[in-house]
Amino acid sequence: MTDVHAPQSPELQASNPPDSAAQPADEIRASGTRFVFVDTEATGLDLDRCDLTEISWIVRFEDGREVERQYFPEHTLDGADDEALTLTHYHERIAPQPRTPMKQWLTQFLEDAKGAVLVGAVPDFDARQLAKACKRLGVEATWDHHLLDVETLAMPLISPKPEIPRSLAKTCDALGVAHDRGQAHGALYDAQQTKAVFDRVFEMVAQLRADAAPLPPPIPRPGNGAAAGQSAP
């Protein structure tokens, strides 16, 4: 198991999934489709003003092999949001790490993502950051135009009716995937959790199909008293 707080080699063999997430069946893992489980952290949510501070992904190749990568891009704190820096534990966890030029990490990502489906928790944020990087370097995106949000993917298995998707943490809780909130909002950990949720959903669906069983009972949404549109971490 790699330590997400320590400097890492650009290429890491993927660690085992969390204990609570059962290993997917071979036929699910080797699906013939390439998936890239990706997460990014930034100095804020404003695409034009804020910079990427961390990007991590796990590429699952068509034959089921997986490789895990983590980079801390070159960036500045110009226009940074204090809330984003606090949320990502920037000064304690990200600032000490060696920084990688965009050309190096983006070239590797584009190679890994050839024809791949990007999978994330609100992956449009990550995809827009990546598209911005491609534009800056004058290169074309290589990933498929379909994006897969695991928070949305899980909804039919955990919700009694259509509703706003839950956070990654609450989705993990509802599916029985162990989630360490102390490591949340670290790009590598969140990419690993994204993959764990993805695999858990397809494990559950495969089991339901095999047993011809009804859907499991819905999981009550925590904090139903919160105002509509608000989400908890």
Protein backbone atom coordinates (compact mmCIF):
# COMPACT_ATOMS: atom_id res chain seq x y z
CA MET A 1 0.00 0.00 0.00
CA THR A 2 1.52 3.32 -1.02
CA ASP A 3 1.59 6.31 1.32
CA VAL A 4 -0.37 9.12 -0.30
CA HIS A 5 1.45 11.69 1.85
CA ALA A 6 4.92 10.82 0.59
CA PRO A 7 6.58 11.78 -2.74
CA GLN A 8 5.77 9.09 -5.25
CA SER A 9 7.14 7.62 -8.43
CA PRO A 10 5.11 8.70 -11.49
CA GLU A 11 4.22 5.05 -12.08
CA LEU A 12 2.93 2.89 -9.26
CA GLN A 13 1.43 -0.53 -9.43
CA ALA A 14 -2.12 -0.18 -8.17
CA SER A 15 -2.57 -1.17 -4.56
CA ASN A 16 -5.24 -3.58 -3.41
CA PRO A 17 -8.73 -2.08 -3.10
CA PRO A 18 -10.03 -1.27 0.40
CA ASP A 19 -10.86 -4.37 2.40
CA SER A 20 -14.58 -3.62 2.35
CA ALA A 21 -14.71 -3.51 -1.46
CA ALA A 22 -14.64 -7.04 -2.80
CA GLN A 23 -12.44 -7.73 -5.80
CA PRO A 24 -14.53 -7.51 -8.97
CA ALA A 25 -15.03 -10.64 -11.03
CA ASP A 26 -12.47 -11.15 -13.80
CA GLU A 27 -15.10 -10.62 -16.44
CA ILE A 28 -15.99 -7.24 -14.95
CA ARG A 29 -12.39 -6.09 -14.54
CA ALA A 30 -11.29 -7.24 -18.02
CA SER A 31 -14.23 -5.63 -19.76
CA GLY A 32 -12.58 -4.69 -23.04
CA THR A 33 -13.04 -1.00 -22.19
CA ARG A 34 -10.28 1.19 -20.81
CA PHE A 35 -11.24 3.18 -17.74
CA VAL A 36 -9.30 5.96 -16.05
CA PHE A 37 -10.34 6.66 -12.47
CA VAL A 38 -9.20 10.24 -12.02
CA ASP A 39 -9.26 12.97 -9.42
CA THR A 40 -7.77 16.43 -9.33
CA GLU A 41 -7.26 19.00 -6.60
CA ALA A 42 -6.92 22.71 -7.29
CA THR A 43 -6.45 26.06 -5.59
CA GLY A 44 -10.17 26.72 -6.09
CA LEU A 45 -13.17 26.02 -8.29
CA ASP A 46 -12.73 28.90 -10.75
CA LEU A 47 -11.38 27.30 -13.90
CA ASP A 48 -9.81 30.49 -15.23
CA ARG A 49 -8.27 31.71 -12.00
CA CYS A 50 -7.18 28.58 -10.13
CA ASP A 51 -4.40 26.06 -10.75
CA LEU A 52 -4.20 22.30 -10.36
CA THR A 53 -2.20 21.26 -7.31
CA GLU A 54 -2.55 17.47 -7.55
CA ILE A 55 -3.70 14.95 -10.14
CA SER A 56 -3.91 11.21 -9.65
CA TRP A 57 -5.37 8.44 -11.72
CA ILE A 58 -5.66 4.70 -11.94
CA VAL A 59 -5.76 3.38 -15.48
CA ARG A 60 -7.50 0.04 -15.88
CA PHE A 61 -6.46 -1.31 -19.23
CA GLU A 62 -8.70 -3.38 -21.46
CA ASP A 63 -7.20 -6.63 -20.16
CA GLY A 64 -7.79 -5.69 -16.52
CA ARG A 65 -4.24 -4.57 -15.67
CA GLU A 66 -4.05 -1.46 -13.51
CA VAL A 67 -1.42 1.24 -13.03
CA GLU A 68 -1.67 4.02 -10.47
CA ARG A 69 -0.07 7.44 -10.95
CA GLN A 70 0.23 10.60 -8.88
CA TYR A 71 1.63 14.02 -9.76
CA PHE A 72 1.82 17.42 -8.10
CA PRO A 73 1.75 19.88 -11.04
CA GLU A 74 3.71 23.11 -11.14
CA HIS A 75 1.38 25.86 -9.91
CA THR A 76 1.12 29.17 -8.11
CA LEU A 77 -1.16 30.32 -5.33
CA ASP A 78 -2.20 33.46 -7.22
CA GLY A 79 -5.95 33.76 -6.81
CA ALA A 80 -6.13 30.72 -4.53
CA ASP A 81 -9.17 30.23 -2.33
CA ASP A 82 -8.31 29.72 1.34
CA GLU A 83 -11.18 27.25 1.68
CA ALA A 84 -9.76 25.04 -1.09
CA LEU A 85 -6.29 25.11 0.46
CA THR A 86 -7.72 24.10 3.82
CA LEU A 87 -9.91 21.36 2.37
CA THR A 88 -6.98 19.73 0.57
CA HIS A 89 -4.55 20.22 3.50
CA TYR A 90 -2.43 22.10 1.00
CA HIS A 91 0.30 23.45 3.27
CA GLU A 92 0.77 20.18 5.15
CA ARG A 93 0.33 17.66 2.34
CA ILE A 94 0.81 19.25 -1.07
CA ALA A 95 3.22 22.17 -0.65
CA PRO A 96 6.22 19.98 0.41
CA GLN A 97 5.95 17.73 -2.67
CA PRO A 98 8.23 18.10 -5.72
CA ARG A 99 6.33 19.66 -8.62
CA THR A 100 6.06 18.24 -12.11
CA PRO A 101 5.92 20.28 -15.35
CA MET A 102 2.60 20.09 -17.19
CA LYS A 103 4.14 18.59 -20.31
CA GLN A 104 5.42 15.59 -18.35
CA TRP A 105 2.27 14.63 -16.45
CA LEU A 106 -0.16 15.54 -19.24
CA THR A 107 1.76 13.53 -21.83
CA GLN A 108 1.53 10.49 -19.56
CA PHE A 109 -2.16 11.07 -18.91
CA LEU A 110 -3.00 11.38 -22.59
CA GLU A 111 -1.17 8.13 -23.30
CA ASP A 112 -3.00 6.31 -20.52
CA ALA A 113 -6.36 7.82 -21.47
CA LYS A 114 -6.38 6.89 -25.17
CA GLY A 115 -9.97 5.96 -25.94
CA ALA A 116 -10.71 5.63 -22.22
CA VAL A 117 -13.81 6.52 -20.26
CA LEU A 118 -12.96 8.95 -17.47
CA VAL A 119 -14.53 7.90 -14.18
CA GLY A 120 -14.72 10.25 -11.23
CA ALA A 121 -16.76 11.93 -8.54
CA VAL A 122 -18.14 14.92 -10.48
CA PRO A 123 -15.70 14.14 -13.32
CA ASP A 124 -16.69 17.14 -15.42
CA PHE A 125 -14.56 19.28 -13.08
CA ASP A 126 -11.55 17.05 -13.72
CA ALA A 127 -12.24 16.85 -17.46
CA ARG A 128 -12.48 20.63 -17.75
CA GLN A 129 -9.17 21.01 -15.92
CA LEU A 130 -7.59 18.48 -18.25
CA ALA A 131 -9.07 20.16 -21.33
CA LYS A 132 -7.64 23.47 -20.09
CA ALA A 133 -4.19 21.87 -19.81
CA CYS A 134 -4.51 20.40 -23.32
CA LYS A 135 -5.38 23.84 -24.71
CA ARG A 136 -2.37 25.42 -22.99
CA LEU A 137 -0.03 22.87 -24.56
CA GLY A 138 -1.78 22.83 -27.93
CA VAL A 139 -2.60 19.12 -27.86
CA GLU A 140 -5.81 17.17 -28.37
CA ALA A 141 -7.67 15.26 -25.70
CA THR A 142 -7.45 11.48 -26.17
CA TRP A 143 -10.23 10.27 -23.88
CA ASP A 144 -13.74 9.29 -24.89
CA HIS A 145 -16.34 12.05 -24.67
CA HIS A 146 -18.46 10.02 -22.24
CA LEU A 147 -17.81 10.77 -18.56
CA LEU A 148 -18.94 8.44 -15.78
CA ASP A 149 -19.84 9.88 -12.38
CA VAL A 150 -19.81 7.18 -9.69
CA GLU A 151 -21.99 9.24 -7.36
CA THR A 152 -24.72 9.15 -10.03
CA LEU A 153 -23.98 5.55 -11.02
CA ALA A 154 -24.73 4.35 -7.49
CA MET A 155 -28.02 6.18 -7.04
CA PRO A 156 -30.45 3.43 -8.20
CA LEU A 157 -28.87 1.04 -5.67
CA ILE A 158 -29.06 3.35 -2.66
CA SER A 159 -31.88 5.83 -3.21
CA PRO A 160 -35.63 5.18 -2.99
CA LYS A 161 -36.32 7.80 -5.65
CA PRO A 162 -34.49 10.22 -7.95
CA GLU A 163 -32.56 12.82 -5.97
CA ILE A 164 -29.38 14.87 -5.97
CA PRO A 165 -26.37 12.52 -5.98
CA ARG A 166 -24.63 12.09 -2.65
CA SER A 167 -21.03 13.00 -1.94
CA LEU A 168 -18.31 10.43 -2.47
CA ALA A 169 -18.07 9.88 1.29
CA LYS A 170 -21.82 9.29 1.69
CA THR A 171 -21.90 7.07 -1.39
CA CYS A 172 -19.10 4.95 0.08
CA ASP A 173 -20.97 4.74 3.38
CA ALA A 174 -24.19 3.65 1.70
CA LEU A 175 -22.43 0.94 -0.33
CA GLY A 176 -20.39 -0.38 2.59
CA VAL A 177 -17.08 0.86 1.20
CA ALA A 178 -14.72 1.93 4.00
CA HIS A 179 -13.96 5.63 3.74
CA ASP A 180 -11.37 7.58 5.71
CA ARG A 181 -12.46 11.21 5.84
CA GLY A 182 -8.99 12.16 7.02
CA GLN A 183 -7.59 11.16 3.63
CA ALA A 184 -10.48 12.57 1.59
CA HIS A 185 -9.72 15.39 -0.84
CA GLY A 186 -6.35 13.88 -1.59
CA ALA A 187 -6.41 13.11 -5.31
CA LEU A 188 -4.87 9.66 -5.06
CA TYR A 189 -7.16 8.55 -2.25
CA ASP A 190 -10.25 9.92 -3.98
CA ALA A 191 -9.29 8.15 -7.23
CA GLN A 192 -8.92 4.91 -5.26
CA GLN A 193 -12.31 5.46 -3.63
CA THR A 194 -13.88 6.24 -6.99
CA LYS A 195 -12.62 2.91 -8.29
CA ALA A 196 -13.86 1.11 -5.18
CA VAL A 197 -17.37 2.54 -5.63
CA PHE A 198 -17.38 1.70 -9.34
CA ASP A 199 -16.39 -1.90 -8.63
CA ARG A 200 -18.83 -2.23 -5.77
CA VAL A 201 -21.75 -1.10 -7.94
CA PHE A 202 -20.96 -3.63 -10.64
CA GLU A 203 -20.36 -6.38 -8.09
CA MET A 204 -23.83 -5.73 -6.65
CA VAL A 205 -25.44 -5.65 -10.08
CA ALA A 206 -23.68 -8.87 -11.11
CA GLN A 207 -24.89 -10.58 -7.95
CA LEU A 208 -28.46 -9.38 -8.47
CA ARG A 209 -28.41 -10.72 -12.01
CA ALA A 210 -26.97 -14.04 -10.91
CA ASP A 211 -29.57 -14.47 -8.16
CA ALA A 212 -32.46 -12.88 -10.05
CA ALA A 213 -32.93 -11.02 -6.77
CA PRO A 214 -34.80 -7.77 -6.13
CA LEU A 215 -32.88 -4.57 -5.53
CA PRO A 216 -31.62 -4.12 -1.97
CA PRO A 217 -33.64 -1.75 0.24
CA PRO A 218 -32.72 1.92 -0.16
CA ILE A 219 -30.30 3.56 2.26
CA PRO A 220 -31.74 6.66 3.97
CA ARG A 221 -29.92 9.80 2.99
CA PRO A 222 -28.06 11.31 5.98
CA GLY A 223 -29.04 14.83 6.96
CA ASN A 224 -32.44 14.96 5.31
CA GLY A 225 -33.15 18.11 7.27
CA ALA A 226 -30.51 20.03 5.34
CA ALA A 227 -31.66 22.63 2.88
CA ALA A 228 -32.15 21.44 -0.69
CA GLY A 229 -29.04 21.65 -2.80
CA GLN A 230 -26.66 21.55 0.14
CA SER A 231 -24.25 18.66 0.42
CA ALA A 232 -22.10 17.46 3.25
CA PRO A 233 -18.54 16.20 2.85
